[in-house]
PDB file of all heavy atoms in Angstrom:
ATOM      1  N   GLU A   1     -17.444  -4.578  17.557  1.00  0.00           N
ATOM      2  CA  GLU A   1     -17.841  -5.689  18.420  1.00  0.00           C
ATOM      3  C   GLU A   1     -16.742  -6.735  18.573  1.00  0.00           C
ATOM      4  O   GLU A   1     -16.749  -7.527  19.511  1.00  0.00           O
ATOM      5  CB  GLU A   1     -19.107  -6.363  17.872  1.00  0.00           C
ATOM      6  CG  GLU A   1     -18.950  -7.042  16.523  1.00  0.00           C
ATOM      7  CD  GLU A   1     -19.183  -6.086  15.359  1.00  0.00           C
ATOM      8  OE1 GLU A   1     -19.282  -4.873  15.597  1.00  0.00           O
ATOM      9  OE2 GLU A   1     -19.264  -6.562  14.209  1.00  0.00           O
ATOM     10  N   LEU A   2     -15.750  -6.743  17.676  1.00  0.00           N
ATOM     11  CA  LEU A   2     -14.650  -7.696  17.778  1.00  0.00           C
ATOM     12  C   LEU A   2     -13.846  -7.506  19.057  1.00  0.00           C
ATOM     13  O   LEU A   2     -13.241  -8.451  19.565  1.00  0.00           O
ATOM     14  CB  LEU A   2     -13.708  -7.556  16.572  1.00  0.00           C
ATOM     15  CG  LEU A   2     -14.259  -7.991  15.213  1.00  0.00           C
ATOM     16  CD1 LEU A   2     -13.250  -7.674  14.129  1.00  0.00           C
ATOM     17  CD2 LEU A   2     -14.587  -9.475  15.220  1.00  0.00           C
ATOM     18  N   LEU A   3     -13.817  -6.293  19.571  1.00  0.00           N
ATOM     19  CA  LEU A   3     -13.023  -6.008  20.753  1.00  0.00           C
ATOM     20  C   LEU A   3     -13.817  -6.139  22.049  1.00  0.00           C
ATOM     21  O   LEU A   3     -13.260  -5.982  23.120  1.00  0.00           O
ATOM     22  CB  LEU A   3     -12.431  -4.593  20.666  1.00  0.00           C
ATOM     23  CG  LEU A   3     -11.286  -4.430  19.670  1.00  0.00           C
ATOM     24  CD1 LEU A   3     -10.854  -2.985  19.598  1.00  0.00           C
ATOM     25  CD2 LEU A   3     -10.115  -5.308  20.039  1.00  0.00           C
ATOM     26  N   LEU A   4     -15.076  -6.414  21.946  1.00  0.00           N
ATOM     27  CA  LEU A   4     -15.883  -6.567  23.151  1.00  0.00           C
ATOM     28  C   LEU A   4     -15.726  -7.981  23.697  1.00  0.00           C
ATOM     29  O   LEU A   4     -15.758  -8.954  22.944  1.00  0.00           O
ATOM     30  CB  LEU A   4     -17.361  -6.287  22.845  1.00  0.00           C
ATOM     31  CG  LEU A   4     -17.675  -4.862  22.389  1.00  0.00           C
ATOM     32  CD1 LEU A   4     -19.153  -4.750  22.025  1.00  0.00           C
ATOM     33  CD2 LEU A   4     -17.317  -3.858  23.479  1.00  0.00           C
ATOM     34  N   PRO A   5     -15.561  -8.125  25.035  1.00  0.00           N
ATOM     35  CA  PRO A   5     -15.444  -9.469  25.609  1.00  0.00           C
ATOM     36  C   PRO A   5     -16.718 -10.269  25.354  1.00  0.00           C
ATOM     37  O   PRO A   5     -17.815  -9.780  25.579  1.00  0.00           O
ATOM     38  CB  PRO A   5     -15.253  -9.194  27.103  1.00  0.00           C
ATOM     39  CG  PRO A   5     -14.889  -7.757  27.229  1.00  0.00           C
ATOM     40  CD  PRO A   5     -15.491  -7.069  26.049  1.00  0.00           C
ATOM     41  N   SER A   6     -16.585 -11.465  24.840  1.00  0.00           N
ATOM     42  CA  SER A   6     -17.754 -12.302  24.586  1.00  0.00           C
ATOM     43  C   SER A   6     -18.124 -13.072  25.849  1.00  0.00           C
ATOM     44  O   SER A   6     -17.308 -13.269  26.739  1.00  0.00           O
ATOM     45  CB  SER A   6     -17.457 -13.271  23.442  1.00  0.00           C
ATOM     46  OG  SER A   6     -16.351 -14.095  23.765  1.00  0.00           O
ATOM     47  N   ARG A   7     -19.353 -13.529  25.894  1.00  0.00           N
ATOM     48  CA  ARG A   7     -19.822 -14.245  27.079  1.00  0.00           C
ATOM     49  C   ARG A   7     -19.076 -15.549  27.297  1.00  0.00           C
ATOM     50  O   ARG A   7     -18.925 -16.008  28.425  1.00  0.00           O
ATOM     51  CB  ARG A   7     -21.327 -14.531  26.930  1.00  0.00           C
ATOM     52  CG  ARG A   7     -22.188 -13.275  26.970  1.00  0.00           C
ATOM     53  CD  ARG A   7     -23.655 -13.641  26.821  1.00  0.00           C
ATOM     54  NE  ARG A   7     -24.499 -12.447  26.844  1.00  0.00           N
ATOM     55  CZ  ARG A   7     -25.815 -12.481  26.697  1.00  0.00           C
ATOM     56  NH1 ARG A   7     -26.436 -13.644  26.496  1.00  0.00           N
ATOM     57  NH2 ARG A   7     -26.516 -11.359  26.727  1.00  0.00           N
ATOM     58  N   ASP A   8     -18.629 -16.147  26.200  1.00  0.00           N
ATOM     59  CA  ASP A   8     -17.959 -17.441  26.323  1.00  0.00           C
ATOM     60  C   ASP A   8     -16.443 -17.312  26.492  1.00  0.00           C
ATOM     61  O   ASP A   8     -15.735 -18.302  26.535  1.00  0.00           O
ATOM     62  CB  ASP A   8     -18.269 -18.318  25.115  1.00  0.00           C
ATOM     63  CG  ASP A   8     -17.795 -17.703  23.803  1.00  0.00           C
ATOM     64  OD1 ASP A   8     -17.554 -16.491  23.800  1.00  0.00           O
ATOM     65  OD2 ASP A   8     -17.686 -18.438  22.805  1.00  0.00           O
ATOM     66  N   LYS A   9     -15.945 -16.073  26.581  1.00  0.00           N
ATOM     67  CA  LYS A   9     -14.505 -15.878  26.768  1.00  0.00           C
ATOM     68  C   LYS A   9     -14.257 -14.890  27.894  1.00  0.00           C
ATOM     69  O   LYS A   9     -14.568 -13.706  27.790  1.00  0.00           O
ATOM     70  CB  LYS A   9     -13.855 -15.380  25.474  1.00  0.00           C
ATOM     71  CG  LYS A   9     -12.334 -15.335  25.565  1.00  0.00           C
ATOM     72  CD  LYS A   9     -11.686 -15.145  24.221  1.00  0.00           C
ATOM     73  CE  LYS A   9     -10.176 -15.204  24.343  1.00  0.00           C
ATOM     74  NZ  LYS A   9      -9.507 -15.036  23.051  1.00  0.00           N
ATOM     75  N   LEU A  10     -13.689 -15.388  28.988  1.00  0.00           N
ATOM     76  CA  LEU A  10     -13.449 -14.554  30.155  1.00  0.00           C
ATOM     77  C   LEU A  10     -12.294 -13.593  29.881  1.00  0.00           C
ATOM     78  O   LEU A  10     -11.452 -13.833  29.015  1.00  0.00           O
ATOM     79  CB  LEU A  10     -13.116 -15.432  31.359  1.00  0.00           C
ATOM     80  CG  LEU A  10     -14.232 -16.365  31.843  1.00  0.00           C
ATOM     81  CD1 LEU A  10     -13.682 -17.307  32.914  1.00  0.00           C
ATOM     82  CD2 LEU A  10     -15.404 -15.566  32.393  1.00  0.00           C
ATOM     83  N   PRO A  11     -12.206 -12.476  30.643  1.00  0.00           N
ATOM     84  CA  PRO A  11     -11.044 -11.587  30.522  1.00  0.00           C
ATOM     85  C   PRO A  11      -9.756 -12.351  30.846  1.00  0.00           C
ATOM     86  O   PRO A  11      -9.792 -13.424  31.446  1.00  0.00           O
ATOM     87  CB  PRO A  11     -11.340 -10.503  31.572  1.00  0.00           C
ATOM     88  CG  PRO A  11     -12.809 -10.561  31.807  1.00  0.00           C
ATOM     89  CD  PRO A  11     -13.202 -11.989  31.610  1.00  0.00           C
ATOM     90  N   PHE A  12      -8.639 -11.773  30.458  1.00  0.00           N
ATOM     91  CA  PHE A  12      -7.349 -12.417  30.689  1.00  0.00           C
ATOM     92  C   PHE A  12      -7.126 -12.590  32.193  1.00  0.00           C
ATOM     93  O   PHE A  12      -7.144 -11.623  32.949  1.00  0.00           O
ATOM     94  CB  PHE A  12      -6.228 -11.586  30.073  1.00  0.00           C
ATOM     95  CG  PHE A  12      -4.929 -12.319  29.978  1.00  0.00           C
ATOM     96  CD1 PHE A  12      -4.660 -13.125  28.879  1.00  0.00           C
ATOM     97  CD2 PHE A  12      -3.982 -12.226  30.976  1.00  0.00           C
ATOM     98  CE1 PHE A  12      -3.458 -13.811  28.781  1.00  0.00           C
ATOM     99  CE2 PHE A  12      -2.778 -12.908  30.885  1.00  0.00           C
ATOM    100  CZ  PHE A  12      -2.521 -13.706  29.784  1.00  0.00           C
ATOM    101  N   ASN A  13      -6.907 -13.835  32.630  1.00  0.00           N
ATOM    102  CA  ASN A  13      -6.825 -14.116  34.063  1.00  0.00           C
ATOM    103  C   ASN A  13      -5.722 -15.136  34.345  1.00  0.00           C
ATOM    104  O   ASN A  13      -4.887 -15.429  33.495  1.00  0.00           O
ATOM    105  CB  ASN A  13      -8.185 -14.610  34.573  1.00  0.00           C
ATOM    106  CG  ASN A  13      -8.699 -15.818  33.795  1.00  0.00           C
ATOM    107  OD1 ASN A  13      -7.912 -16.527  33.140  1.00  0.00           O
ATOM    108  ND2 ASN A  13      -9.997 -16.059  33.854  1.00  0.00           N
ATOM    109  N   HIS A  14      -5.736 -15.680  35.557  1.00  0.00           N
ATOM    110  CA  HIS A  14      -4.726 -16.642  35.995  1.00  0.00           C
ATOM    111  C   HIS A  14      -4.633 -17.831  35.040  1.00  0.00           C
ATOM    112  O   HIS A  14      -3.529 -18.238  34.631  1.00  0.00           O
ATOM    113  CB  HIS A  14      -5.091 -17.119  37.404  1.00  0.00           C
ATOM    114  CG  HIS A  14      -4.150 -18.139  37.968  1.00  0.00           C
ATOM    115  ND1 HIS A  14      -2.977 -17.814  38.616  1.00  0.00           N
ATOM    116  CD2 HIS A  14      -4.217 -19.501  37.974  1.00  0.00           C
ATOM    117  CE1 HIS A  14      -2.365 -18.914  38.999  1.00  0.00           C
ATOM    118  NE2 HIS A  14      -3.096 -19.951  38.628  1.00  0.00           N
ATOM    119  N   GLU A  15      -5.774 -18.375  34.673  1.00  0.00           N
ATOM    120  CA  GLU A  15      -5.792 -19.535  33.779  1.00  0.00           C
ATOM    121  C   GLU A  15      -5.274 -19.168  32.390  1.00  0.00           C
ATOM    122  O   GLU A  15      -4.575 -19.960  31.751  1.00  0.00           O
ATOM    123  CB  GLU A  15      -7.217 -20.103  33.682  1.00  0.00           C
ATOM    124  CG  GLU A  15      -7.700 -20.828  34.923  1.00  0.00           C
ATOM    125  CD  GLU A  15      -8.002 -19.893  36.084  1.00  0.00           C
ATOM    126  OE1 GLU A  15      -8.327 -18.700  35.814  1.00  0.00           O
ATOM    127  OE2 GLU A  15      -7.914 -20.324  37.239  1.00  0.00           O
ATOM    128  N   SER A  16      -5.608 -17.963  31.931  1.00  0.00           N
ATOM    129  CA  SER A  16      -5.112 -17.501  30.629  1.00  0.00           C
ATOM    130  C   SER A  16      -3.588 -17.430  30.635  1.00  0.00           C
ATOM    131  O   SER A  16      -2.921 -17.797  29.652  1.00  0.00           O
ATOM    132  CB  SER A  16      -5.690 -16.125  30.293  1.00  0.00           C
ATOM    133  OG  SER A  16      -7.081 -16.082  30.429  1.00  0.00           O
ATOM    134  N   GLU A  17      -3.033 -16.961  31.738  1.00  0.00           N
ATOM    135  CA  GLU A  17      -1.582 -16.822  31.836  1.00  0.00           C
ATOM    136  C   GLU A  17      -0.903 -18.186  31.874  1.00  0.00           C
ATOM    137  O   GLU A  17       0.180 -18.370  31.292  1.00  0.00           O
ATOM    138  CB  GLU A  17      -1.217 -16.013  33.079  1.00  0.00           C
ATOM    139  CG  GLU A  17       0.255 -15.673  33.166  1.00  0.00           C
ATOM    140  CD  GLU A  17       0.539 -14.716  34.302  1.00  0.00           C
ATOM    141  OE1 GLU A  17       0.385 -15.117  35.480  1.00  0.00           O
ATOM    142  OE2 GLU A  17       0.923 -13.561  34.027  1.00  0.00           O
ATOM    143  N   ILE A  18      -1.514 -19.152  32.531  1.00  0.00           N
ATOM    144  CA  ILE A  18      -0.962 -20.509  32.542  1.00  0.00           C
ATOM    145  C   ILE A  18      -0.852 -21.044  31.126  1.00  0.00           C
ATOM    146  O   ILE A  18       0.148 -21.665  30.742  1.00  0.00           O
ATOM    147  CB  ILE A  18      -1.840 -21.440  33.417  1.00  0.00           C
ATOM    148  CG1 ILE A  18      -1.636 -21.120  34.899  1.00  0.00           C
ATOM    149  CG2 ILE A  18      -1.502 -22.908  33.157  1.00  0.00           C
ATOM    150  CD1 ILE A  18      -2.502 -21.936  35.833  1.00  0.00           C
ATOM    151  N   VAL A  19      -1.883 -20.777  30.314  1.00  0.00           N
ATOM    152  CA  VAL A  19      -1.861 -21.211  28.915  1.00  0.00           C
ATOM    153  C   VAL A  19      -0.697 -20.565  28.161  1.00  0.00           C
ATOM    154  O   VAL A  19       0.037 -21.232  27.416  1.00  0.00           O
ATOM    155  CB  VAL A  19      -3.203 -20.886  28.226  1.00  0.00           C
ATOM    156  CG1 VAL A  19      -3.114 -21.149  26.728  1.00  0.00           C
ATOM    157  CG2 VAL A  19      -4.335 -21.696  28.841  1.00  0.00           C
ATOM    158  N   GLU A  20      -0.491 -19.251  28.363  1.00  0.00           N
ATOM    159  CA  GLU A  20       0.584 -18.540  27.665  1.00  0.00           C
ATOM    160  C   GLU A  20       1.960 -19.048  28.085  1.00  0.00           C
ATOM    161  O   GLU A  20       2.840 -19.283  27.244  1.00  0.00           O
ATOM    162  CB  GLU A  20       0.481 -17.036  27.956  1.00  0.00           C
ATOM    163  CG  GLU A  20      -0.737 -16.356  27.348  1.00  0.00           C
ATOM    164  CD  GLU A  20      -0.662 -16.235  25.848  1.00  0.00           C
ATOM    165  OE1 GLU A  20      -0.112 -15.248  25.350  1.00  0.00           O
ATOM    166  OE2 GLU A  20      -1.156 -17.152  25.154  1.00  0.00           O
ATOM    167  N   LEU A  21       2.167 -19.232  29.381  1.00  0.00           N
ATOM    168  CA  LEU A  21       3.468 -19.698  29.875  1.00  0.00           C
ATOM    169  C   LEU A  21       3.729 -21.146  29.449  1.00  0.00           C
ATOM    170  O   LEU A  21       4.871 -21.503  29.117  1.00  0.00           O
ATOM    171  CB  LEU A  21       3.533 -19.562  31.398  1.00  0.00           C
ATOM    172  CG  LEU A  21       3.592 -18.127  31.922  1.00  0.00           C
ATOM    173  CD1 LEU A  21       3.394 -18.099  33.431  1.00  0.00           C
ATOM    174  CD2 LEU A  21       4.913 -17.458  31.558  1.00  0.00           C
ATOM    175  N   SER A  22       2.688 -21.969  29.457  1.00  0.00           N
ATOM    176  CA  SER A  22       2.837 -23.356  28.995  1.00  0.00           C
ATOM    177  C   SER A  22       3.234 -23.382  27.531  1.00  0.00           C
ATOM    178  O   SER A  22       4.043 -24.213  27.095  1.00  0.00           O
ATOM    179  CB  SER A  22       1.527 -24.118  29.199  1.00  0.00           C
ATOM    180  OG  SER A  22       1.176 -24.193  30.569  1.00  0.00           O
ATOM    181  N   ARG A  23       2.670 -22.455  26.756  1.00  0.00           N
ATOM    182  CA  ARG A  23       2.991 -22.361  25.334  1.00  0.00           C
ATOM    183  C   ARG A  23       4.445 -21.961  25.130  1.00  0.00           C
ATOM    184  O   ARG A  23       5.130 -22.481  24.243  1.00  0.00           O
ATOM    185  CB  ARG A  23       2.038 -21.351  24.673  1.00  0.00           C
ATOM    186  CG  ARG A  23       2.127 -21.266  23.167  1.00  0.00           C
ATOM    187  CD  ARG A  23       0.906 -20.530  22.599  1.00  0.00           C
ATOM    188  NE  ARG A  23       0.790 -19.174  23.082  1.00  0.00           N
ATOM    189  CZ  ARG A  23       1.341 -18.108  22.497  1.00  0.00           C
ATOM    190  NH1 ARG A  23       2.071 -18.264  21.404  1.00  0.00           N
ATOM    191  NH2 ARG A  23       1.165 -16.904  22.989  1.00  0.00           N
ATOM    192  N   PHE A  24       4.929 -21.031  25.954  1.00  0.00           N
ATOM    193  CA  PHE A  24       6.320 -20.596  25.827  1.00  0.00           C
ATOM    194  C   PHE A  24       7.282 -21.728  26.169  1.00  0.00           C
ATOM    195  O   PHE A  24       8.239 -22.003  25.426  1.00  0.00           O
ATOM    196  CB  PHE A  24       6.610 -19.388  26.727  1.00  0.00           C
ATOM    197  CG  PHE A  24       8.032 -18.899  26.645  1.00  0.00           C
ATOM    198  CD1 PHE A  24       8.402 -17.962  25.692  1.00  0.00           C
ATOM    199  CD2 PHE A  24       9.016 -19.390  27.503  1.00  0.00           C
ATOM    200  CE1 PHE A  24       9.719 -17.523  25.594  1.00  0.00           C
ATOM    201  CE2 PHE A  24      10.334 -18.955  27.413  1.00  0.00           C
ATOM    202  CZ  PHE A  24      10.683 -18.020  26.457  1.00  0.00           C
ATOM    203  N   PHE A  25       7.058 -22.392  27.303  1.00  0.00           N
ATOM    204  CA  PHE A  25       8.003 -23.391  27.794  1.00  0.00           C
ATOM    205  C   PHE A  25       7.768 -24.790  27.212  1.00  0.00           C
ATOM    206  O   PHE A  25       8.541 -25.710  27.481  1.00  0.00           O
ATOM    207  CB  PHE A  25       7.927 -23.473  29.323  1.00  0.00           C
ATOM    208  CG  PHE A  25       8.506 -22.273  30.017  1.00  0.00           C
ATOM    209  CD1 PHE A  25       7.689 -21.376  30.681  1.00  0.00           C
ATOM    210  CD2 PHE A  25       9.872 -22.037  30.002  1.00  0.00           C
ATOM    211  CE1 PHE A  25       8.218 -20.269  31.330  1.00  0.00           C
ATOM    212  CE2 PHE A  25      10.416 -20.936  30.649  1.00  0.00           C
ATOM    213  CZ  PHE A  25       9.589 -20.041  31.312  1.00  0.00           C
ATOM    214  N   LYS A  26       6.698 -24.949  26.436  1.00  0.00           N
ATOM    215  CA  LYS A  26       6.347 -26.254  25.879  1.00  0.00           C
ATOM    216  C   LYS A  26       6.230 -27.298  26.983  1.00  0.00           C
ATOM    217  O   LYS A  26       6.754 -28.423  26.883  1.00  0.00           O
ATOM    218  CB  LYS A  26       7.387 -26.702  24.836  1.00  0.00           C
ATOM    219  CG  LYS A  26       7.261 -26.009  23.499  1.00  0.00           C
ATOM    220  CD  LYS A  26       8.164 -26.676  22.458  1.00  0.00           C
ATOM    221  CE  LYS A  26       7.973 -26.042  21.086  1.00  0.00           C
ATOM    222  NZ  LYS A  26       8.840 -26.671  20.067  1.00  0.00           N
ATOM    223  N   VAL A  27       5.558 -26.940  28.041  1.00  0.00           N
ATOM    224  CA  VAL A  27       5.335 -27.837  29.159  1.00  0.00           C
ATOM    225  C   VAL A  27       3.992 -27.487  29.777  1.00  0.00           C
ATOM    226  O   VAL A  27       3.546 -26.340  29.702  1.00  0.00           O
ATOM    227  CB  VAL A  27       6.473 -27.709  30.200  1.00  0.00           C
ATOM    228  CG1 VAL A  27       6.464 -26.338  30.851  1.00  0.00           C
ATOM    229  CG2 VAL A  27       6.398 -28.807  31.247  1.00  0.00           C
ATOM    230  N   GLU A  28       3.334 -28.444  30.364  1.00  0.00           N
ATOM    231  CA  GLU A  28       2.031 -28.193  30.956  1.00  0.00           C
ATOM    232  C   GLU A  28       2.200 -27.693  32.387  1.00  0.00           C
ATOM    233  O   GLU A  28       2.595 -28.447  33.278  1.00  0.00           O
ATOM    234  CB  GLU A  28       1.166 -29.460  30.941  1.00  0.00           C
ATOM    235  CG  GLU A  28      -0.261 -29.203  31.398  1.00  0.00           C
ATOM    236  CD  GLU A  28      -1.159 -30.411  31.236  1.00  0.00           C
ATOM    237  OE1 GLU A  28      -0.794 -31.310  30.460  1.00  0.00           O
ATOM    238  OE2 GLU A  28      -2.218 -30.447  31.884  1.00  0.00           O
ATOM    239  N   LEU A  29       1.933 -26.400  32.583  1.00  0.00           N
ATOM    240  CA  LEU A  29       1.979 -25.828  33.919  1.00  0.00           C
ATOM    241  C   LEU A  29       0.605 -25.965  34.565  1.00  0.00           C
ATOM    242  O   LEU A  29      -0.417 -26.070  33.879  1.00  0.00           O
ATOM    243  CB  LEU A  29       2.383 -24.363  33.858  1.00  0.00           C
ATOM    244  CG  LEU A  29       3.752 -24.068  33.219  1.00  0.00           C
ATOM    245  CD1 LEU A  29       3.988 -22.569  33.131  1.00  0.00           C
ATOM    246  CD2 LEU A  29       4.870 -24.726  34.010  1.00  0.00           C
ATOM    247  N   GLY A  30       0.586 -25.931  35.885  1.00  0.00           N
ATOM    248  CA  GLY A  30      -0.676 -26.112  36.587  1.00  0.00           C
ATOM    249  C   GLY A  30      -0.736 -25.299  37.861  1.00  0.00           C
ATOM    250  O   GLY A  30       0.127 -24.447  38.137  1.00  0.00           O
ATOM    251  N   PRO A  31      -1.746 -25.528  38.682  1.00  0.00           N
ATOM    252  CA  PRO A  31      -1.962 -24.731  39.898  1.00  0.00           C
ATOM    253  C   PRO A  31      -0.844 -24.855  40.926  1.00  0.00           C
ATOM    254  O   PRO A  31      -0.715 -23.997  41.790  1.00  0.00           O
ATOM    255  CB  PRO A  31      -3.293 -25.272  40.453  1.00  0.00           C
ATOM    256  CG  PRO A  31      -3.459 -26.627  39.834  1.00  0.00           C
ATOM    257  CD  PRO A  31      -2.820 -26.536  38.497  1.00  0.00           C
ATOM    258  N   ARG A  32      -0.017 -25.903  40.828  1.00  0.00           N
ATOM    259  CA  ARG A  32       1.073 -26.062  41.791  1.00  0.00           C
ATOM    260  C   ARG A  32       2.302 -25.243  41.424  1.00  0.00           C
ATOM    261  O   ARG A  32       3.234 -25.137  42.214  1.00  0.00           O
ATOM    262  CB  ARG A  32       1.471 -27.541  41.907  1.00  0.00           C
ATOM    263  CG  ARG A  32       0.399 -28.422  42.520  1.00  0.00           C
ATOM    264  CD  ARG A  32       0.137 -28.061  43.973  1.00  0.00           C
ATOM    265  NE  ARG A  32       1.319 -28.231  44.809  1.00  0.00           N
ATOM    266  CZ  ARG A  32       1.416 -27.763  46.041  1.00  0.00           C
ATOM    267  NH1 ARG A  32       0.426 -27.063  46.563  1.00  0.00           N
ATOM    268  NH2 ARG A  32       2.509 -27.966  46.752  1.00  0.00           N
ATOM    269  N   HIS A  33       2.327 -24.682  40.254  1.00  0.00           N
ATOM    270  CA  HIS A  33       3.458 -23.847  39.855  1.00  0.00           C
ATOM    271  C   HIS A  33       3.273 -22.427  40.368  1.00  0.00           C
ATOM    272  O   HIS A  33       2.172 -21.876  40.343  1.00  0.00           O
ATOM    273  CB  HIS A  33       3.618 -23.827  38.331  1.00  0.00           C
ATOM    274  CG  HIS A  33       4.220 -25.076  37.772  1.00  0.00           C
ATOM    275  ND1 HIS A  33       3.455 -26.145  37.359  1.00  0.00           N
ATOM    276  CD2 HIS A  33       5.520 -25.437  37.584  1.00  0.00           C
ATOM    277  CE1 HIS A  33       4.253 -27.107  36.924  1.00  0.00           C
ATOM    278  NE2 HIS A  33       5.504 -26.704  37.035  1.00  0.00           N
ATOM    279  N   ASN A  34       4.363 -21.842  40.816  1.00  0.00           N
ATOM    280  CA  ASN A  34       4.358 -20.461  41.304  1.00  0.00           C
ATOM    281  C   ASN A  34       4.591 -19.530  40.115  1.00  0.00           C
ATOM    282  O   ASN A  34       5.722 -19.358  39.656  1.00  0.00           O
ATOM    283  CB  ASN A  34       5.453 -20.279  42.363  1.00  0.00           C
ATOM    284  CG  ASN A  34       5.367 -18.934  43.049  1.00  0.00           C
ATOM    285  OD1 ASN A  34       5.051 -17.926  42.431  1.00  0.00           O
ATOM    286  ND2 ASN A  34       5.649 -18.916  44.346  1.00  0.00           N
ATOM    287  N   LEU A  35       3.519 -18.942  39.607  1.00  0.00           N
ATOM    288  CA  LEU A  35       3.625 -18.126  38.390  1.00  0.00           C
ATOM    289  C   LEU A  35       4.458 -16.873  38.604  1.00  0.00           C
ATOM    290  O   LEU A  35       5.110 -16.394  37.677  1.00  0.00           O
ATOM    291  CB  LEU A  35       2.237 -17.753  37.879  1.00  0.00           C
ATOM    292  CG  LEU A  35       1.321 -18.918  37.468  1.00  0.00           C
ATOM    293  CD1 LEU A  35       0.091 -18.385  36.738  1.00  0.00           C
ATOM    294  CD2 LEU A  35       2.054 -19.928  36.596  1.00  0.00           C
ATOM    295  N   ASP A  36       4.445 -16.328  39.823  1.00  0.00           N
ATOM    296  CA  ASP A  36       5.287 -15.156  40.090  1.00  0.00           C
ATOM    297  C   ASP A  36       6.760 -15.491  39.926  1.00  0.00           C
ATOM    298  O   ASP A  36       7.527 -14.730  39.315  1.00  0.00           O
ATOM    299  CB  ASP A  36       5.029 -14.629  41.507  1.00  0.00           C
ATOM    300  CG  ASP A  36       3.728 -13.875  41.629  1.00  0.00           C
ATOM    301  OD1 ASP A  36       3.143 -13.536  40.585  1.00  0.00           O
ATOM    302  OD2 ASP A  36       3.283 -13.607  42.766  1.00  0.00           O
ATOM    303  N   LEU A  37       7.186 -16.636  40.463  1.00  0.00           N
ATOM    304  CA  LEU A  37       8.585 -17.041  40.332  1.00  0.00           C
ATOM    305  C   LEU A  37       8.934 -17.333  38.875  1.00  0.00           C
ATOM    306  O   LEU A  37      10.017 -16.984  38.396  1.00  0.00           O
ATOM    307  CB  LEU A  37       8.857 -18.279  41.183  1.00  0.00           C
ATOM    308  CG  LEU A  37       8.894 -18.085  42.705  1.00  0.00           C
ATOM    309  CD1 LEU A  37       9.130 -19.414  43.403  1.00  0.00           C
ATOM    310  CD2 LEU A  37       9.978 -17.085  43.107  1.00  0.00           C
ATOM    311  N   ILE A  38       8.005 -17.967  38.160  1.00  0.00           N
ATOM    312  CA  ILE A  38       8.251 -18.286  36.754  1.00  0.00           C
ATOM    313  C   ILE A  38       8.373 -17.010  35.925  1.00  0.00           C
ATOM    314  O   ILE A  38       9.262 -16.877  35.082  1.00  0.00           O
ATOM    315  CB  ILE A  38       7.129 -19.196  36.201  1.00  0.00           C
ATOM    316  CG1 ILE A  38       7.232 -20.575  36.850  1.00  0.00           C
ATOM    317  CG2 ILE A  38       7.217 -19.310  34.683  1.00  0.00           C
ATOM    318  CD1 ILE A  38       6.076 -21.501  36.509  1.00  0.00           C
ATOM    319  N   CYS A  39       7.485 -16.031  36.186  1.00  0.00           N
ATOM    320  CA  CYS A  39       7.540 -14.766  35.437  1.00  0.00           C
ATOM    321  C   CYS A  39       8.810 -13.991  35.751  1.00  0.00           C
ATOM    322  O   CYS A  39       9.419 -13.385  34.856  1.00  0.00           O
ATOM    323  CB  CYS A  39       6.305 -13.925  35.760  1.00  0.00           C
ATOM    324  SG  CYS A  39       4.793 -14.527  34.973  1.00  0.00           S
ATOM    325  N   ASP A  40       9.240 -14.005  36.992  1.00  0.00           N
ATOM    326  CA  ASP A  40      10.484 -13.329  37.371  1.00  0.00           C
ATOM    327  C   ASP A  40      11.669 -13.993  36.674  1.00  0.00           C
ATOM    328  O   ASP A  40      12.554 -13.311  36.132  1.00  0.00           O
ATOM    329  CB  ASP A  40      10.652 -13.384  38.888  1.00  0.00           C
ATOM    330  CG  ASP A  40      11.794 -12.502  39.369  1.00  0.00           C
ATOM    331  OD1 ASP A  40      11.807 -11.308  39.015  1.00  0.00           O
ATOM    332  OD2 ASP A  40      12.687 -13.005  40.075  1.00  0.00           O
ATOM    333  N   PHE A  41      11.678 -15.298  36.644  1.00  0.00           N
ATOM    334  CA  PHE A  41      12.719 -16.057  35.942  1.00  0.00           C
ATOM    335  C   PHE A  41      12.706 -15.733  34.452  1.00  0.00           C
ATOM    336  O   PHE A  41      13.745 -15.529  33.823  1.00  0.00           O
ATOM    337  CB  PHE A  41      12.474 -17.550  36.181  1.00  0.00           C
ATOM    338  CG  PHE A  41      13.321 -18.469  35.345  1.00  0.00           C
ATOM    339  CD1 PHE A  41      14.687 -18.591  35.564  1.00  0.00           C
ATOM    340  CD2 PHE A  41      12.751 -19.231  34.337  1.00  0.00           C
ATOM    341  CE1 PHE A  41      15.471 -19.448  34.800  1.00  0.00           C
ATOM    342  CE2 PHE A  41      13.520 -20.095  33.564  1.00  0.00           C
ATOM    343  CZ  PHE A  41      14.882 -20.197  33.800  1.00  0.00           C
TER     344      PHE A  41
END
């Protein structure tokens, strides 16, 4: 059951990726950032 998605946790999505990239760059990214360009960089 540890690997089953819980009701209170959505699958990995756009918002999840913003959290990961913000963690890497130590900066708060948001909806105005182009995640495709950031990932390519």
